[in-house]
PDB file of all heavy atoms in Angstrom:
ATOM      1  N   VAL A   1      31.581 -32.239  76.029  1.00  0.00           N
ATOM      2  CA  VAL A   1      32.559 -32.345  74.949  1.00  0.00           C
ATOM      3  C   VAL A   1      32.904 -33.789  74.710  1.00  0.00           C
ATOM      4  O   VAL A   1      33.076 -34.045  73.551  1.00  0.00           O
ATOM      5  CB  VAL A   1      33.856 -31.660  75.440  1.00  0.00           C
ATOM      6  CG1 VAL A   1      34.997 -31.867  74.464  1.00  0.00           C
ATOM      7  CG2 VAL A   1      33.614 -30.099  75.534  1.00  0.00           C
ATOM      8  N   LEU A   2      33.039 -34.654  75.602  1.00  0.00           N
ATOM      9  CA  LEU A   2      33.221 -36.035  75.431  1.00  0.00           C
ATOM     10  C   LEU A   2      32.112 -36.759  74.645  1.00  0.00           C
ATOM     11  O   LEU A   2      32.332 -37.567  73.773  1.00  0.00           O
ATOM     12  CB  LEU A   2      33.467 -36.759  76.829  1.00  0.00           C
ATOM     13  CG  LEU A   2      33.789 -38.270  76.736  1.00  0.00           C
ATOM     14  CD1 LEU A   2      35.063 -38.509  75.997  1.00  0.00           C
ATOM     15  CD2 LEU A   2      33.852 -38.788  78.177  1.00  0.00           C
ATOM     16  N   ALA A   3      30.880 -36.430  75.078  1.00  0.00           N
ATOM     17  CA  ALA A   3      29.641 -36.959  74.341  1.00  0.00           C
ATOM     18  C   ALA A   3      29.713 -36.496  72.958  1.00  0.00           C
ATOM     19  O   ALA A   3      29.436 -37.390  72.080  1.00  0.00           O
ATOM     20  CB  ALA A   3      28.452 -36.519  75.119  1.00  0.00           C
ATOM     21  N   LEU A   4      29.965 -35.238  72.616  1.00  0.00           N
ATOM     22  CA  LEU A   4      29.990 -34.925  71.259  1.00  0.00           C
ATOM     23  C   LEU A   4      31.097 -35.463  70.477  1.00  0.00           C
ATOM     24  O   LEU A   4      30.948 -35.876  69.335  1.00  0.00           O
ATOM     25  CB  LEU A   4      30.195 -33.315  71.139  1.00  0.00           C
ATOM     26  CG  LEU A   4      28.913 -32.465  71.574  1.00  0.00           C
ATOM     27  CD1 LEU A   4      29.322 -30.934  71.546  1.00  0.00           C
ATOM     28  CD2 LEU A   4      27.813 -32.810  70.582  1.00  0.00           C
ATOM     29  N   THR A   5      32.227 -35.700  71.122  1.00  0.00           N
ATOM     30  CA  THR A   5      33.372 -36.395  70.479  1.00  0.00           C
ATOM     31  C   THR A   5      32.956 -37.821  70.120  1.00  0.00           C
ATOM     32  O   THR A   5      33.276 -38.307  69.012  1.00  0.00           O
ATOM     33  CB  THR A   5      34.606 -36.346  71.272  1.00  0.00           C
ATOM     34  OG1 THR A   5      34.882 -34.940  71.653  1.00  0.00           O
ATOM     35  CG2 THR A   5      35.759 -36.994  70.591  1.00  0.00           C
ATOM     36  N   LEU A   6      32.388 -38.524  70.949  1.00  0.00           N
ATOM     37  CA  LEU A   6      32.011 -39.908  70.757  1.00  0.00           C
ATOM     38  C   LEU A   6      30.886 -39.952  69.757  1.00  0.00           C
ATOM     39  O   LEU A   6      30.893 -40.990  68.949  1.00  0.00           O
ATOM     40  CB  LEU A   6      31.536 -40.513  72.117  1.00  0.00           C
ATOM     41  CG  LEU A   6      32.670 -40.827  73.072  1.00  0.00           C
ATOM     42  CD1 LEU A   6      32.060 -41.352  74.370  1.00  0.00           C
ATOM     43  CD2 LEU A   6      33.703 -41.786  72.465  1.00  0.00           C
ATOM     44  N   THR A   7      30.024 -39.071  69.675  1.00  0.00           N
ATOM     45  CA  THR A   7      28.943 -39.024  68.710  1.00  0.00           C
ATOM     46  C   THR A   7      29.503 -38.836  67.252  1.00  0.00           C
ATOM     47  O   THR A   7      29.091 -39.436  66.351  1.00  0.00           O
ATOM     48  CB  THR A   7      27.953 -37.915  68.991  1.00  0.00           C
ATOM     49  OG1 THR A   7      27.322 -38.183  70.304  1.00  0.00           O
ATOM     50  CG2 THR A   7      26.786 -38.049  68.038  1.00  0.00           C
ATOM     51  N   ALA A   8      30.423 -37.853  67.194  1.00  0.00           N
ATOM     52  CA  ALA A   8      31.030 -37.611  65.856  1.00  0.00           C
ATOM     53  C   ALA A   8      31.958 -38.704  65.374  1.00  0.00           C
ATOM     54  O   ALA A   8      31.883 -39.047  64.204  1.00  0.00           O
ATOM     55  CB  ALA A   8      31.830 -36.317  66.007  1.00  0.00           C
ATOM     56  N   CYS A   9      32.640 -39.263  66.238  1.00  0.00           N
ATOM     57  CA  CYS A   9      33.572 -40.297  65.802  1.00  0.00           C
ATOM     58  C   CYS A   9      32.947 -41.768  65.759  1.00  0.00           C
ATOM     59  O   CYS A   9      33.617 -42.639  65.184  1.00  0.00           O
ATOM     60  CB  CYS A   9      34.846 -40.370  66.696  1.00  0.00           C
ATOM     61  SG  CYS A   9      35.739 -38.866  66.580  1.00  0.00           S
ATOM     62  N   GLY A  10      31.791 -41.898  66.438  1.00  0.00           N
ATOM     63  CA  GLY A  10      31.297 -43.334  66.541  1.00  0.00           C
ATOM     64  C   GLY A  10      30.566 -43.568  65.207  1.00  0.00           C
ATOM     65  O   GLY A  10      30.400 -42.714  64.338  1.00  0.00           O
ATOM     66  N   GLY A  11      30.046 -44.806  65.165  1.00  0.00           N
ATOM     67  CA  GLY A  11      29.301 -45.118  63.882  1.00  0.00           C
ATOM     68  C   GLY A  11      29.955 -46.437  63.256  1.00  0.00           C
ATOM     69  O   GLY A  11      29.445 -47.018  62.468  1.00  0.00           O
ATOM     70  N   GLY A  12      31.252 -46.779  63.591  1.00  0.00           N
ATOM     71  CA  GLY A  12      31.700 -48.036  63.087  1.00  0.00           C
ATOM     72  C   GLY A  12      32.185 -47.951  61.689  1.00  0.00           C
ATOM     73  O   GLY A  12      32.351 -49.008  61.029  1.00  0.00           O
ATOM     74  N   GLY A  13      32.361 -46.835  61.056  1.00  0.00           N
ATOM     75  CA  GLY A  13      33.044 -46.763  59.721  1.00  0.00           C
ATOM     76  C   GLY A  13      31.862 -46.709  58.623  1.00  0.00           C
ATOM     77  O   GLY A  13      30.650 -46.572  58.910  1.00  0.00           O
ATOM     78  N   VAL A  14      32.357 -46.881  57.401  1.00  0.00           N
ATOM     79  CA  VAL A  14      31.495 -46.692  56.355  1.00  0.00           C
ATOM     80  C   VAL A  14      30.800 -47.962  55.964  1.00  0.00           C
ATOM     81  O   VAL A  14      31.439 -48.987  55.791  1.00  0.00           O
ATOM     82  CB  VAL A  14      32.165 -46.195  55.130  1.00  0.00           C
ATOM     83  CG1 VAL A  14      31.258 -46.009  53.855  1.00  0.00           C
ATOM     84  CG2 VAL A  14      32.821 -44.825  55.356  1.00  0.00           C
ATOM     85  N   ALA A  15      29.451 -48.054  55.756  1.00  0.00           N
ATOM     86  CA  ALA A  15      28.816 -49.311  55.506  1.00  0.00           C
ATOM     87  C   ALA A  15      28.607 -49.351  54.003  1.00  0.00           C
ATOM     88  O   ALA A  15      28.220 -48.328  53.324  1.00  0.00           O
ATOM     89  CB  ALA A  15      27.376 -49.316  56.193  1.00  0.00           C
ATOM     90  N   LYS A  16      28.919 -50.458  53.449  1.00  0.00           N
ATOM     91  CA  LYS A  16      28.766 -50.704  51.956  1.00  0.00           C
ATOM     92  C   LYS A  16      27.357 -51.096  51.704  1.00  0.00           C
ATOM     93  O   LYS A  16      26.651 -51.923  52.330  1.00  0.00           O
ATOM     94  CB  LYS A  16      29.761 -51.707  51.523  1.00  0.00           C
ATOM     95  CG  LYS A  16      31.235 -51.230  51.601  1.00  0.00           C
ATOM     96  CD  LYS A  16      32.111 -52.290  50.996  1.00  0.00           C
ATOM     97  CE  LYS A  16      33.619 -51.762  51.086  1.00  0.00           C
ATOM     98  NZ  LYS A  16      34.491 -52.776  50.490  1.00  0.00           N
ATOM     99  N   SER A  17      26.852 -50.421  50.557  1.00  0.00           N
ATOM    100  CA  SER A  17      25.456 -50.892  50.117  1.00  0.00           C
ATOM    101  C   SER A  17      25.452 -51.772  49.031  1.00  0.00           C
ATOM    102  O   SER A  17      26.481 -51.900  48.264  1.00  0.00           O
ATOM    103  CB  SER A  17      24.739 -49.586  49.747  1.00  0.00           C
ATOM    104  OG  SER A  17      25.289 -49.006  48.581  1.00  0.00           O
ATOM    105  N   ASP A  18      24.427 -52.683  48.914  1.00  0.00           N
ATOM    106  CA  ASP A  18      24.317 -53.491  47.785  1.00  0.00           C
ATOM    107  C   ASP A  18      23.783 -52.802  46.665  1.00  0.00           C
ATOM    108  O   ASP A  18      22.711 -52.231  46.699  1.00  0.00           O
ATOM    109  CB  ASP A  18      23.388 -54.711  48.198  1.00  0.00           C
ATOM    110  CG  ASP A  18      24.029 -55.505  49.247  1.00  0.00           C
ATOM    111  OD1 ASP A  18      25.307 -55.623  49.441  1.00  0.00           O
ATOM    112  OD2 ASP A  18      23.296 -56.149  50.004  1.00  0.00           O
ATOM    113  N   SER A  19      24.638 -52.681  45.540  1.00  0.00           N
ATOM    114  CA  SER A  19      24.157 -51.978  44.448  1.00  0.00           C
ATOM    115  C   SER A  19      23.847 -52.919  43.240  1.00  0.00           C
ATOM    116  O   SER A  19      24.786 -53.913  42.970  1.00  0.00           O
ATOM    117  CB  SER A  19      25.219 -51.047  43.940  1.00  0.00           C
ATOM    118  OG  SER A  19      24.874 -50.344  42.765  1.00  0.00           O
ATOM    119  N   ASP A  20      22.711 -52.754  42.582  1.00  0.00           N
ATOM    120  CA  ASP A  20      22.443 -53.491  41.377  1.00  0.00           C
ATOM    121  C   ASP A  20      22.557 -52.657  40.126  1.00  0.00           C
ATOM    122  O   ASP A  20      22.186 -53.065  39.062  1.00  0.00           O
ATOM    123  CB  ASP A  20      21.118 -54.025  41.564  1.00  0.00           C
ATOM    124  CG  ASP A  20      19.992 -52.978  41.688  1.00  0.00           C
ATOM    125  OD1 ASP A  20      20.350 -51.909  41.796  1.00  0.00           O
ATOM    126  OD2 ASP A  20      18.730 -53.330  41.850  1.00  0.00           O
ATOM    127  N   ASN A  21      23.215 -51.447  40.296  1.00  0.00           N
ATOM    128  CA  ASN A  21      23.469 -50.515  39.203  1.00  0.00           C
ATOM    129  C   ASN A  21      22.164 -50.176  38.381  1.00  0.00           C
ATOM    130  O   ASN A  21      22.253 -49.993  37.176  1.00  0.00           O
ATOM    131  CB  ASN A  21      24.445 -51.198  38.182  1.00  0.00           C
ATOM    132  CG  ASN A  21      25.778 -51.376  38.861  1.00  0.00           C
ATOM    133  OD1 ASN A  21      26.196 -50.470  39.696  1.00  0.00           O
ATOM    134  ND2 ASN A  21      26.607 -52.373  38.500  1.00  0.00           N
ATOM    135  N   LYS A  22      21.043 -50.056  39.115  1.00  0.00           N
ATOM    136  CA  LYS A  22      19.872 -49.572  38.648  1.00  0.00           C
ATOM    137  C   LYS A  22      19.503 -48.243  39.238  1.00  0.00           C
ATOM    138  O   LYS A  22      19.597 -48.053  40.495  1.00  0.00           O
ATOM    139  CB  LYS A  22      18.702 -50.650  38.748  1.00  0.00           C
ATOM    140  CG  LYS A  22      18.914 -51.877  37.971  1.00  0.00           C
ATOM    141  CD  LYS A  22      17.861 -52.853  38.246  1.00  0.00           C
ATOM    142  CE  LYS A  22      18.011 -54.148  37.492  1.00  0.00           C
ATOM    143  NZ  LYS A  22      16.977 -55.164  37.707  1.00  0.00           N
ATOM    144  N   LEU A  23      18.871 -47.341  38.440  1.00  0.00           N
ATOM    145  CA  LEU A  23      18.432 -46.124  38.947  1.00  0.00           C
ATOM    146  C   LEU A  23      16.854 -46.076  38.795  1.00  0.00           C
ATOM    147  O   LEU A  23      16.317 -46.349  37.660  1.00  0.00           O
ATOM    148  CB  LEU A  23      18.986 -44.958  38.095  1.00  0.00           C
ATOM    149  CG  LEU A  23      18.487 -43.576  38.383  1.00  0.00           C
ATOM    150  CD1 LEU A  23      18.918 -43.177  39.834  1.00  0.00           C
ATOM    151  CD2 LEU A  23      19.159 -42.551  37.380  1.00  0.00           C
ATOM    152  N   THR A  24      16.233 -45.768  39.848  1.00  0.00           N
ATOM    153  CA  THR A  24      14.735 -45.723  39.819  1.00  0.00           C
ATOM    154  C   THR A  24      14.355 -44.298  39.763  1.00  0.00           C
ATOM    155  O   THR A  24      14.769 -43.440  40.707  1.00  0.00           O
ATOM    156  CB  THR A  24      14.167 -46.385  41.104  1.00  0.00           C
ATOM    157  OG1 THR A  24      14.584 -47.693  41.054  1.00  0.00           O
ATOM    158  CG2 THR A  24      12.691 -46.404  40.937  1.00  0.00           C
ATOM    159  N   ILE A  25      13.490 -43.900  38.851  1.00  0.00           N
ATOM    160  CA  ILE A  25      13.009 -42.501  38.671  1.00  0.00           C
ATOM    161  C   ILE A  25      11.543 -42.635  38.904  1.00  0.00           C
ATOM    162  O   ILE A  25      10.893 -43.262  38.130  1.00  0.00           O
ATOM    163  CB  ILE A  25      13.536 -41.817  37.430  1.00  0.00           C
ATOM    164  CG1 ILE A  25      14.935 -41.857  37.200  1.00  0.00           C
ATOM    165  CG2 ILE A  25      12.749 -40.480  37.256  1.00  0.00           C
ATOM    166  CD1 ILE A  25      15.411 -41.345  35.963  1.00  0.00           C
ATOM    167  N   TRP A  26      10.994 -41.717  39.813  1.00  0.00           N
ATOM    168  CA  TRP A  26       9.533 -41.717  40.011  1.00  0.00           C
ATOM    169  C   TRP A  26       9.073 -40.553  39.248  1.00  0.00           C
ATOM    170  O   TRP A  26       9.397 -39.388  39.386  1.00  0.00           O
ATOM    171  CB  TRP A  26       9.198 -41.574  41.525  1.00  0.00           C
ATOM    172  CG  TRP A  26       9.628 -42.735  42.265  1.00  0.00           C
ATOM    173  CD1 TRP A  26      10.810 -43.082  42.740  1.00  0.00           C
ATOM    174  CD2 TRP A  26       8.832 -43.916  42.560  1.00  0.00           C
ATOM    175  NE1 TRP A  26      10.897 -44.225  43.396  1.00  0.00           N
ATOM    176  CE2 TRP A  26       9.544 -44.896  43.246  1.00  0.00           C
ATOM    177  CE3 TRP A  26       7.468 -44.253  42.140  1.00  0.00           C
ATOM    178  CZ2 TRP A  26       9.151 -46.095  43.628  1.00  0.00           C
ATOM    179  CZ3 TRP A  26       7.044 -45.500  42.663  1.00  0.00           C
ATOM    180  CH2 TRP A  26       7.799 -46.372  43.365  1.00  0.00           C
ATOM    181  N   MET A  27       8.094 -40.714  38.330  1.00  0.00           N
ATOM    182  CA  MET A  27       7.553 -39.715  37.553  1.00  0.00           C
ATOM    183  C   MET A  27       6.207 -39.320  38.131  1.00  0.00           C
ATOM    184  O   MET A  27       5.447 -40.308  38.442  1.00  0.00           O
ATOM    185  CB  MET A  27       7.362 -40.141  36.088  1.00  0.00           C
ATOM    186  CG  MET A  27       8.692 -40.466  35.407  1.00  0.00           C
ATOM    187  SD  MET A  27       9.875 -39.113  35.288  1.00  0.00           S
ATOM    188  CE  MET A  27       9.094 -38.290  33.959  1.00  0.00           C
ATOM    189  N   MET A  28       5.843 -38.077  38.074  1.00  0.00           N
ATOM    190  CA  MET A  28       4.571 -37.649  38.588  1.00  0.00           C
ATOM    191  C   MET A  28       3.684 -37.245  37.405  1.00  0.00           C
ATOM    192  O   MET A  28       4.009 -36.466  36.612  1.00  0.00           O
ATOM    193  CB  MET A  28       4.817 -36.438  39.499  1.00  0.00           C
ATOM    194  CG  MET A  28       3.548 -35.861  40.120  1.00  0.00           C
ATOM    195  SD  MET A  28       4.034 -34.596  41.178  1.00  0.00           S
ATOM    196  CE  MET A  28       2.496 -33.781  41.365  1.00  0.00           C
ATOM    197  N   THR A  29       2.497 -37.948  37.349  1.00  0.00           N
ATOM    198  CA  THR A  29       1.709 -37.587  36.289  1.00  0.00           C
ATOM    199  C   THR A  29       0.548 -36.477  36.708  1.00  0.00           C
ATOM    200  O   THR A  29       0.343 -36.435  37.912  1.00  0.00           O
ATOM    201  CB  THR A  29       0.790 -38.843  35.792  1.00  0.00           C
ATOM    202  OG1 THR A  29       0.108 -39.274  36.959  1.00  0.00           O
ATOM    203  CG2 THR A  29       1.671 -39.839  35.240  1.00  0.00           C
ATOM    204  N   GLY A  30       0.164 -35.700  35.807  1.00  0.00           N
ATOM    205  CA  GLY A  30      -0.784 -34.697  36.152  1.00  0.00           C
ATOM    206  C   GLY A  30       0.021 -33.484  36.785  1.00  0.00           C
ATOM    207  O   GLY A  30       1.228 -33.509  37.011  1.00  0.00           O
ATOM    208  N   GLY A  31      -0.671 -32.587  37.189  1.00  0.00           N
ATOM    209  CA  GLY A  31      -0.103 -31.438  37.895  1.00  0.00           C
ATOM    210  C   GLY A  31      -1.099 -30.430  38.257  1.00  0.00           C
ATOM    211  O   GLY A  31      -2.330 -30.667  38.041  1.00  0.00           O
ATOM    212  N   PRO A  32      -0.729 -29.303  38.949  1.00  0.00           N
ATOM    213  CA  PRO A  32      -1.695 -28.292  39.352  1.00  0.00           C
ATOM    214  C   PRO A  32      -2.438 -27.714  38.111  1.00  0.00           C
ATOM    215  O   PRO A  32      -3.583 -27.325  38.331  1.00  0.00           O
ATOM    216  CB  PRO A  32      -0.859 -27.375  40.073  1.00  0.00           C
ATOM    217  CG  PRO A  32       0.528 -27.522  39.588  1.00  0.00           C
ATOM    218  CD  PRO A  32       0.651 -28.941  39.273  1.00  0.00           C
ATOM    219  N   GLY A  33      -1.886 -27.704  36.919  1.00  0.00           N
ATOM    220  CA  GLY A  33      -2.514 -27.011  35.850  1.00  0.00           C
ATOM    221  C   GLY A  33      -3.681 -27.930  35.291  1.00  0.00           C
ATOM    222  O   GLY A  33      -4.516 -27.575  34.586  1.00  0.00           O
ATOM    223  N   ASP A  34      -3.651 -29.212  35.537  1.00  0.00           N
ATOM    224  CA  ASP A  34      -4.682 -30.150  34.988  1.00  0.00           C
ATOM    225  C   ASP A  34      -5.975 -30.134  35.814  1.00  0.00           C
ATOM    226  O   ASP A  34      -6.981 -30.766  35.403  1.00  0.00           O
ATOM    227  CB  ASP A  34      -4.035 -31.602  35.167  1.00  0.00           C
ATOM    228  CG  ASP A  34      -2.912 -31.844  34.254  1.00  0.00           C
ATOM    229  OD1 ASP A  34      -2.701 -30.976  33.289  1.00  0.00           O
ATOM    230  OD2 ASP A  34      -2.177 -32.828  34.426  1.00  0.00           O
ATOM    231  N   ASN A  35      -5.925 -29.452  36.963  1.00  0.00           N
ATOM    232  CA  ASN A  35      -7.127 -29.360  37.750  1.00  0.00           C
ATOM    233  C   ASN A  35      -8.102 -28.240  37.329  1.00  0.00           C
ATOM    234  O   ASN A  35      -7.563 -27.074  37.281  1.00  0.00           O
ATOM    235  CB  ASN A  35      -6.761 -29.098  39.211  1.00  0.00           C
ATOM    236  CG  ASN A  35      -7.796 -29.269  40.201  1.00  0.00           C
ATOM    237  OD1 ASN A  35      -8.932 -28.911  39.936  1.00  0.00           O
ATOM    238  ND2 ASN A  35      -7.411 -29.613  41.442  1.00  0.00           N
ATOM    239  N   PRO A  36      -9.287 -28.451  37.096  1.00  0.00           N
ATOM    240  CA  PRO A  36     -10.109 -27.396  36.571  1.00  0.00           C
ATOM    241  C   PRO A  36     -10.351 -26.209  37.692  1.00  0.00           C
ATOM    242  O   PRO A  36     -10.526 -25.090  37.299  1.00  0.00           O
ATOM    243  CB  PRO A  36     -11.562 -28.066  36.315  1.00  0.00           C
ATOM    244  CG  PRO A  36     -11.266 -29.557  36.231  1.00  0.00           C
ATOM    245  CD  PRO A  36      -9.992 -29.759  37.012  1.00  0.00           C
ATOM    246  N   LEU A  37     -10.369 -26.665  38.836  1.00  0.00           N
ATOM    247  CA  LEU A  37     -10.573 -25.660  39.908  1.00  0.00           C
ATOM    248  C   LEU A  37      -9.341 -24.744  39.938  1.00  0.00           C
ATOM    249  O   LEU A  37      -9.583 -23.402  39.985  1.00  0.00           O
ATOM    250  CB  LEU A  37     -10.637 -26.318  41.310  1.00  0.00           C
ATOM    251  CG  LEU A  37     -10.820 -25.332  42.475  1.00  0.00           C
ATOM    252  CD1 LEU A  37     -12.078 -24.563  42.452  1.00  0.00           C
ATOM    253  CD2 LEU A  37     -10.699 -26.195  43.749  1.00  0.00           C
ATOM    254  N   ILE A  38      -8.173 -25.173  39.770  1.00  0.00           N
ATOM    255  CA  ILE A  38      -6.995 -24.254  39.774  1.00  0.00           C
ATOM    256  C   ILE A  38      -6.984 -23.437  38.530  1.00  0.00           C
ATOM    257  O   ILE A  38      -6.578 -22.251  38.529  1.00  0.00           O
ATOM    258  CB  ILE A  38      -5.690 -25.153  39.883  1.00  0.00           C
ATOM    259  CG1 ILE A  38      -5.688 -25.818  41.290  1.00  0.00           C
ATOM    260  CG2 ILE A  38      -4.488 -24.376  39.670  1.00  0.00           C
ATOM    261  CD1 ILE A  38      -4.457 -26.371  41.770  1.00  0.00           C
ATOM    262  N   LYS A  39      -7.403 -23.961  37.394  1.00  0.00           N
ATOM    263  CA  LYS A  39      -7.439 -23.241  36.164  1.00  0.00           C
ATOM    264  C   LYS A  39      -8.456 -22.001  36.386  1.00  0.00           C
ATOM    265  O   LYS A  39      -8.146 -20.943  35.849  1.00  0.00           O
ATOM    266  CB  LYS A  39      -7.955 -24.077  34.966  1.00  0.00           C
ATOM    267  CG  LYS A  39      -6.832 -24.992  34.501  1.00  0.00           C
ATOM    268  CD  LYS A  39      -7.367 -25.787  33.344  1.00  0.00           C
ATOM    269  CE  LYS A  39      -6.262 -26.759  32.720  1.00  0.00           C
ATOM    270  NZ  LYS A  39      -6.747 -27.474  31.578  1.00  0.00           N
ATOM    271  N   GLU A  40      -9.639 -22.305  37.071  1.00  0.00           N
ATOM    272  CA  GLU A  40     -10.523 -21.229  37.285  1.00  0.00           C
ATOM    273  C   GLU A  40     -10.045 -20.147  38.235  1.00  0.00           C
ATOM    274  O   GLU A  40     -10.196 -18.944  37.966  1.00  0.00           O
ATOM    275  CB  GLU A  40     -11.873 -21.869  37.812  1.00  0.00           C
ATOM    276  CG  GLU A  40     -13.047 -20.834  37.950  1.00  0.00           C
ATOM    277  CD  GLU A  40     -14.186 -21.464  38.523  1.00  0.00           C
ATOM    278  OE1 GLU A  40     -14.445 -22.663  38.412  1.00  0.00           O
ATOM    279  OE2 GLU A  40     -14.964 -20.756  39.187  1.00  0.00           O
ATOM    280  N   VAL A  41      -9.398 -20.579  39.193  1.00  0.00           N
ATOM    281  CA  VAL A  41      -8.765 -19.555  40.219  1.00  0.00           C
ATOM    282  C   VAL A  41      -7.611 -18.800  39.516  1.00  0.00           C
ATOM    283  O   VAL A  41      -7.614 -17.563  39.682  1.00  0.00           O
ATOM    284  CB  VAL A  41      -8.252 -20.339  41.420  1.00  0.00           C
ATOM    285  CG1 VAL A  41      -7.406 -19.441  42.282  1.00  0.00           C
ATOM    286  CG2 VAL A  41      -9.325 -21.004  42.234  1.00  0.00           C
TER     287      VAL A  41
END
């Protein structure tokens, strides 16, 4: 119980992250429909 309490309460607070106000979106090109083998199956 003591170990769980220390684990839950430990951590030293909230860490602030450095933000540059940019959002990165990763786009995936192609897909399963572009593969001739999958089209045949």
